[in-house]
Every structure is written in C-alpha cells, then in structure tokens.
C-alpha cells in the first residue's frame, strides 16, 4: 500500500465545504478496479494552519494519483493543490487483524 499526501492551500479565511467535496472523495474508493492505483482509503486532515489541509489517499499499487481539476473545481476559487510525497507503510499499531484494545 502507498499513501499519497496532497497539500491543499485555500485563500485566507476559506475552508473546505465537506458537503461539496465528500461525494467526490467518497467516489474515489468506489471506482471500478484497475491494475494499479485502486483507492482503499481517503482522509482529509486540517486545518493545521489557517486554510491549509492535508489529503491522504491510500492506493494498492502506486500509479498517477488521478485527483484532478474536478476536485480543484470543488474548492474555493484561488485554492492550490499539490502532491507533497508518497509513503509506504512501515508498521501499523495495532497490527492488522489483532483488533483494538477496549
């Protein structure tokens, strides 16, 4: 699995409207399967700073991310988006299949 970190910078005093972006982000995990780049998880973090968000997109096999102008068009005018990096899992806690401590 590979997770892409996408930086999203909005104009000052703007925020992401979850009612607007959620259908698109949710659709990423519902796309028909392909040989690479199948999205298994999407997570939106932020804002850590005013109008700055981080989008994490986890795929099975790295491929061009495919988050495109359609998503950018859902953000406030003047927003900027760029892939920061891609990361592979080193370890998970708790380990998959072991359950969560209650």
N, C-alpha and C. Protein backbone atom coordinates (compact mmCIF):
# COMPACT_ATOMS: atom_id res chain seq x y z
N UNK A 1 0.83 -1.17 0.00
CA UNK A 1 0.00 0.00 0.00
C UNK A 1 0.89 1.24 0.00
N UNK A 2 0.41 2.24 -0.69
CA UNK A 2 1.09 3.53 -0.75
C UNK A 2 0.10 4.62 -0.41
N UNK A 3 0.52 5.58 0.40
CA UNK A 3 -0.32 6.71 0.73
C UNK A 3 0.29 7.98 0.15
N UNK A 4 -0.52 8.69 -0.62
CA UNK A 4 -0.10 9.97 -1.17
C UNK A 4 -0.57 11.07 -0.22
N UNK A 5 0.30 12.02 0.06
CA UNK A 5 -0.05 13.20 0.84
C UNK A 5 -0.20 14.36 -0.12
N UNK A 6 -1.39 14.96 -0.13
CA UNK A 6 -1.70 16.06 -1.03
C UNK A 6 -1.94 17.31 -0.19
N UNK A 7 -1.15 18.34 -0.44
CA UNK A 7 -1.29 19.60 0.26
C UNK A 7 -2.35 20.44 -0.44
N UNK A 8 -3.25 21.01 0.36
CA UNK A 8 -4.31 21.87 -0.17
C UNK A 8 -4.23 23.21 0.56
N UNK A 9 -3.97 24.27 -0.18
CA UNK A 9 -3.91 25.61 0.38
C UNK A 9 -5.06 26.42 -0.18
N UNK A 10 -5.89 26.93 0.72
CA UNK A 10 -7.03 27.74 0.33
C UNK A 10 -6.71 29.21 0.53
N UNK A 11 -7.46 30.08 -0.13
CA UNK A 11 -7.30 31.51 0.14
C UNK A 11 -7.59 31.80 1.61
N UNK A 12 -7.05 32.88 2.12
CA UNK A 12 -7.25 33.26 3.53
C UNK A 12 -8.73 33.28 3.88
N UNK A 13 -9.02 32.86 5.10
CA UNK A 13 -10.38 32.84 5.64
C UNK A 13 -11.34 31.94 4.87
N UNK A 14 -10.81 30.95 4.15
CA UNK A 14 -11.65 29.99 3.44
C UNK A 14 -11.57 28.65 4.15
N UNK A 15 -12.55 27.82 3.91
CA UNK A 15 -12.49 26.45 4.42
C UNK A 15 -13.14 25.53 3.41
N UNK A 16 -12.84 24.25 3.53
CA UNK A 16 -13.40 23.25 2.63
C UNK A 16 -14.83 22.96 3.07
N UNK A 17 -15.74 22.96 2.13
CA UNK A 17 -17.13 22.62 2.38
C UNK A 17 -17.28 21.10 2.20
N UNK A 18 -17.39 20.38 3.32
CA UNK A 18 -17.46 18.92 3.26
C UNK A 18 -18.67 18.43 2.47
N UNK A 19 -19.77 19.17 2.50
CA UNK A 19 -20.95 18.77 1.72
C UNK A 19 -20.66 18.80 0.23
N UNK A 20 -19.73 19.64 -0.18
CA UNK A 20 -19.37 19.76 -1.60
C UNK A 20 -18.34 18.72 -2.01
N UNK A 21 -17.29 18.52 -1.20
CA UNK A 21 -16.19 17.64 -1.61
C UNK A 21 -16.40 16.17 -1.26
N UNK A 22 -17.23 15.88 -0.25
CA UNK A 22 -17.40 14.49 0.19
C UNK A 22 -17.85 13.53 -0.91
N UNK A 23 -18.84 13.88 -1.73
CA UNK A 23 -19.24 12.93 -2.77
C UNK A 23 -18.09 12.56 -3.71
N UNK A 24 -17.27 13.54 -4.08
CA UNK A 24 -16.13 13.25 -4.97
C UNK A 24 -15.11 12.36 -4.26
N UNK A 25 -14.72 12.73 -3.04
CA UNK A 25 -13.70 11.96 -2.33
C UNK A 25 -14.20 10.54 -2.03
N UNK A 26 -15.47 10.42 -1.68
CA UNK A 26 -16.03 9.09 -1.42
C UNK A 26 -16.06 8.25 -2.69
N UNK A 27 -16.26 8.89 -3.83
CA UNK A 27 -16.31 8.15 -5.09
C UNK A 27 -14.97 7.54 -5.46
N UNK A 28 -13.88 8.08 -4.92
CA UNK A 28 -12.55 7.54 -5.25
C UNK A 28 -12.43 6.08 -4.83
N UNK A 29 -13.06 5.71 -3.72
CA UNK A 29 -12.96 4.34 -3.24
C UNK A 29 -13.95 3.41 -3.95
N UNK A 30 -14.84 3.98 -4.75
CA UNK A 30 -15.87 3.19 -5.44
C UNK A 30 -15.59 3.00 -6.92
N UNK A 31 -14.48 3.52 -7.38
CA UNK A 31 -14.15 3.39 -8.81
C UNK A 31 -13.96 1.93 -9.17
N UNK A 32 -14.27 1.58 -10.43
CA UNK A 32 -14.02 0.20 -10.86
C UNK A 32 -12.54 -0.16 -10.68
N UNK A 33 -12.27 -1.40 -10.29
CA UNK A 33 -10.90 -1.84 -10.07
C UNK A 33 -10.09 -1.79 -11.35
N UNK A 34 -8.82 -1.44 -11.20
CA UNK A 34 -7.89 -1.46 -12.33
C UNK A 34 -6.61 -2.14 -11.87
N UNK A 35 -5.63 -2.20 -12.74
CA UNK A 35 -4.39 -2.91 -12.41
C UNK A 35 -3.58 -2.20 -11.34
N UNK A 36 -3.65 -0.88 -11.30
CA UNK A 36 -2.90 -0.10 -10.31
C UNK A 36 -3.74 1.08 -9.85
N UNK A 37 -3.35 1.65 -8.73
CA UNK A 37 -3.97 2.88 -8.27
C UNK A 37 -5.36 2.76 -7.71
N UNK A 38 -5.75 1.59 -7.25
CA UNK A 38 -7.08 1.43 -6.65
C UNK A 38 -7.09 2.04 -5.26
N UNK A 39 -7.98 3.00 -5.04
CA UNK A 39 -8.03 3.75 -3.78
C UNK A 39 -8.78 2.94 -2.72
N UNK A 40 -8.13 2.73 -1.58
CA UNK A 40 -8.77 1.99 -0.49
C UNK A 40 -9.18 2.90 0.66
N UNK A 41 -8.57 4.08 0.75
CA UNK A 41 -8.87 4.97 1.87
C UNK A 41 -8.56 6.41 1.49
N UNK A 42 -9.41 7.32 1.94
CA UNK A 42 -9.21 8.76 1.75
C UNK A 42 -9.45 9.43 3.10
N UNK A 43 -8.53 10.31 3.50
CA UNK A 43 -8.69 11.02 4.76
C UNK A 43 -8.29 12.47 4.57
N UNK A 44 -9.12 13.37 5.04
CA UNK A 44 -8.85 14.81 4.96
C UNK A 44 -8.49 15.31 6.34
N UNK A 45 -7.32 15.92 6.49
CA UNK A 45 -6.84 16.45 7.77
C UNK A 45 -6.75 17.97 7.69
N UNK A 46 -7.02 18.62 8.79
CA UNK A 46 -6.80 20.05 8.80
C UNK A 46 -7.89 20.80 9.52
N UNK A 47 -7.82 22.08 9.54
CA UNK A 47 -6.64 22.85 9.13
C UNK A 47 -5.60 22.92 10.25
N UNK A 48 -4.36 22.59 9.91
CA UNK A 48 -3.27 22.70 10.88
C UNK A 48 -2.85 24.16 10.98
N UNK A 49 -2.97 24.86 9.90
CA UNK A 49 -2.75 26.30 9.86
C UNK A 49 -3.99 26.86 9.19
N UNK A 50 -4.17 28.12 9.28
CA UNK A 50 -5.33 28.73 8.64
C UNK A 50 -5.36 28.37 7.16
N UNK A 51 -6.45 27.76 6.75
CA UNK A 51 -6.73 27.46 5.35
C UNK A 51 -5.73 26.47 4.71
N UNK A 52 -5.11 25.60 5.53
CA UNK A 52 -4.20 24.59 4.98
C UNK A 52 -4.70 23.21 5.41
N UNK A 53 -4.90 22.33 4.42
CA UNK A 53 -5.39 20.98 4.67
C UNK A 53 -4.41 19.97 4.09
N UNK A 54 -4.52 18.74 4.56
CA UNK A 54 -3.74 17.64 4.01
C UNK A 54 -4.70 16.51 3.67
N UNK A 55 -4.63 16.04 2.44
CA UNK A 55 -5.47 14.94 1.97
C UNK A 55 -4.59 13.71 1.84
N UNK A 56 -4.97 12.62 2.51
CA UNK A 56 -4.23 11.36 2.42
C UNK A 56 -5.05 10.39 1.59
N UNK A 57 -4.43 9.85 0.54
CA UNK A 57 -5.10 8.92 -0.35
C UNK A 57 -4.27 7.65 -0.42
N UNK A 58 -4.83 6.52 0.04
CA UNK A 58 -4.11 5.25 0.05
C UNK A 58 -4.55 4.40 -1.13
N UNK A 59 -3.55 3.90 -1.86
CA UNK A 59 -3.79 3.07 -3.05
C UNK A 59 -3.06 1.75 -2.90
N UNK A 60 -3.50 0.74 -3.67
CA UNK A 60 -2.86 -0.57 -3.58
C UNK A 60 -1.48 -0.57 -4.22
N UNK A 61 -1.37 -0.12 -5.45
CA UNK A 61 -0.11 -0.09 -6.19
C UNK A 61 0.05 1.32 -6.74
N UNK A 62 1.19 1.99 -6.48
CA UNK A 62 1.36 3.36 -6.92
C UNK A 62 1.10 3.53 -8.42
N UNK A 63 0.42 4.60 -8.72
CA UNK A 63 0.10 5.00 -10.10
C UNK A 63 -0.18 6.50 -10.04
N UNK A 64 -0.27 7.15 -11.18
CA UNK A 64 -0.65 8.57 -11.11
C UNK A 64 -1.92 8.71 -10.27
N UNK A 65 -1.92 9.68 -9.38
CA UNK A 65 -2.96 9.78 -8.37
C UNK A 65 -4.35 9.98 -8.94
N UNK A 66 -4.51 10.77 -9.97
CA UNK A 66 -5.81 10.93 -10.58
C UNK A 66 -6.76 11.85 -9.85
N UNK A 67 -6.25 12.60 -8.89
CA UNK A 67 -7.08 13.66 -8.30
C UNK A 67 -6.77 14.88 -9.14
N UNK A 68 -7.76 15.33 -9.83
CA UNK A 68 -7.52 16.28 -10.90
C UNK A 68 -8.29 17.58 -10.76
N UNK A 69 -8.44 18.25 -11.87
CA UNK A 69 -9.12 19.53 -11.90
C UNK A 69 -10.56 19.44 -11.39
N UNK A 70 -11.18 18.27 -11.50
CA UNK A 70 -12.55 18.13 -10.98
C UNK A 70 -12.59 18.39 -9.48
N UNK A 71 -11.61 17.90 -8.76
CA UNK A 71 -11.57 18.14 -7.32
C UNK A 71 -11.21 19.59 -7.03
N UNK A 72 -10.22 20.12 -7.73
CA UNK A 72 -9.81 21.50 -7.52
C UNK A 72 -10.98 22.46 -7.77
N UNK A 73 -11.85 22.12 -8.71
CA UNK A 73 -13.01 22.96 -9.02
C UNK A 73 -14.02 22.99 -7.87
N UNK A 74 -13.96 22.01 -6.96
CA UNK A 74 -14.86 21.97 -5.82
C UNK A 74 -14.38 22.84 -4.65
N UNK A 75 -13.15 23.29 -4.74
CA UNK A 75 -12.56 24.10 -3.67
C UNK A 75 -12.80 25.58 -3.95
N UNK A 76 -12.65 26.42 -2.92
CA UNK A 76 -12.82 27.87 -3.15
C UNK A 76 -11.87 28.37 -4.24
N UNK A 77 -12.34 29.33 -5.00
CA UNK A 77 -11.52 29.90 -6.07
C UNK A 77 -10.20 30.42 -5.51
N UNK A 78 -9.11 30.14 -6.22
CA UNK A 78 -7.78 30.54 -5.78
C UNK A 78 -7.06 29.49 -4.97
N UNK A 79 -7.69 28.33 -4.76
CA UNK A 79 -7.06 27.24 -4.00
C UNK A 79 -5.93 26.62 -4.81
N UNK A 80 -4.94 26.09 -4.11
CA UNK A 80 -3.82 25.40 -4.75
C UNK A 80 -3.69 24.03 -4.14
N UNK A 81 -3.30 23.07 -4.99
CA UNK A 81 -3.20 21.68 -4.54
C UNK A 81 -1.95 21.07 -5.17
N UNK A 82 -1.19 20.30 -4.37
CA UNK A 82 -0.02 19.62 -4.92
C UNK A 82 0.28 18.37 -4.11
N UNK A 83 0.80 17.34 -4.79
CA UNK A 83 1.21 16.12 -4.10
C UNK A 83 2.53 16.42 -3.40
N UNK A 84 2.53 16.24 -2.07
CA UNK A 84 3.72 16.51 -1.27
C UNK A 84 4.71 15.37 -1.40
N UNK A 85 4.21 14.14 -1.25
CA UNK A 85 5.07 12.97 -1.30
C UNK A 85 4.19 11.73 -1.30
N UNK A 86 4.82 10.58 -1.46
CA UNK A 86 4.11 9.32 -1.30
C UNK A 86 4.87 8.49 -0.28
N UNK A 87 4.10 7.73 0.51
CA UNK A 87 4.68 6.99 1.62
C UNK A 87 4.20 5.55 1.60
N UNK A 88 5.09 4.63 1.94
CA UNK A 88 4.75 3.23 2.11
C UNK A 88 4.67 2.92 3.59
N UNK A 89 3.80 1.98 3.95
CA UNK A 89 3.63 1.62 5.35
C UNK A 89 4.89 0.94 5.88
N UNK A 90 5.32 1.37 7.05
CA UNK A 90 6.44 0.75 7.74
C UNK A 90 5.90 -0.22 8.78
N UNK A 91 4.88 0.21 9.50
CA UNK A 91 4.24 -0.63 10.52
C UNK A 91 2.94 0.03 10.94
N UNK A 92 2.00 -0.76 11.46
CA UNK A 92 0.73 -0.25 11.96
C UNK A 92 0.53 -0.71 13.39
N UNK A 93 -0.08 0.14 14.20
CA UNK A 93 -0.43 -0.19 15.57
C UNK A 93 -1.91 0.07 15.76
N UNK A 94 -2.71 -0.83 16.22
CA UNK A 94 -2.34 -2.23 16.40
C UNK A 94 -2.13 -2.90 15.05
N UNK A 95 -1.45 -4.00 15.07
CA UNK A 95 -1.20 -4.72 13.84
C UNK A 95 -2.52 -5.19 13.24
N UNK A 96 -2.62 -5.17 11.90
CA UNK A 96 -3.87 -5.61 11.26
C UNK A 96 -4.28 -6.99 11.73
N UNK A 97 -5.58 -7.14 12.01
CA UNK A 97 -6.11 -8.45 12.41
C UNK A 97 -6.03 -8.72 13.90
N UNK A 98 -5.37 -7.85 14.66
CA UNK A 98 -5.25 -8.10 16.10
C UNK A 98 -6.34 -7.43 16.90
N UNK A 99 -7.09 -6.53 16.27
CA UNK A 99 -8.17 -5.85 16.96
C UNK A 99 -7.67 -4.66 17.77
N UNK A 100 -8.61 -3.90 18.23
CA UNK A 100 -8.28 -2.71 19.01
C UNK A 100 -8.56 -3.00 20.47
N UNK A 101 -7.68 -2.57 21.32
CA UNK A 101 -7.84 -2.78 22.76
C UNK A 101 -9.03 -1.95 23.26
N UNK A 102 -9.91 -2.58 24.02
CA UNK A 102 -11.06 -1.83 24.53
C UNK A 102 -10.85 -1.36 25.94
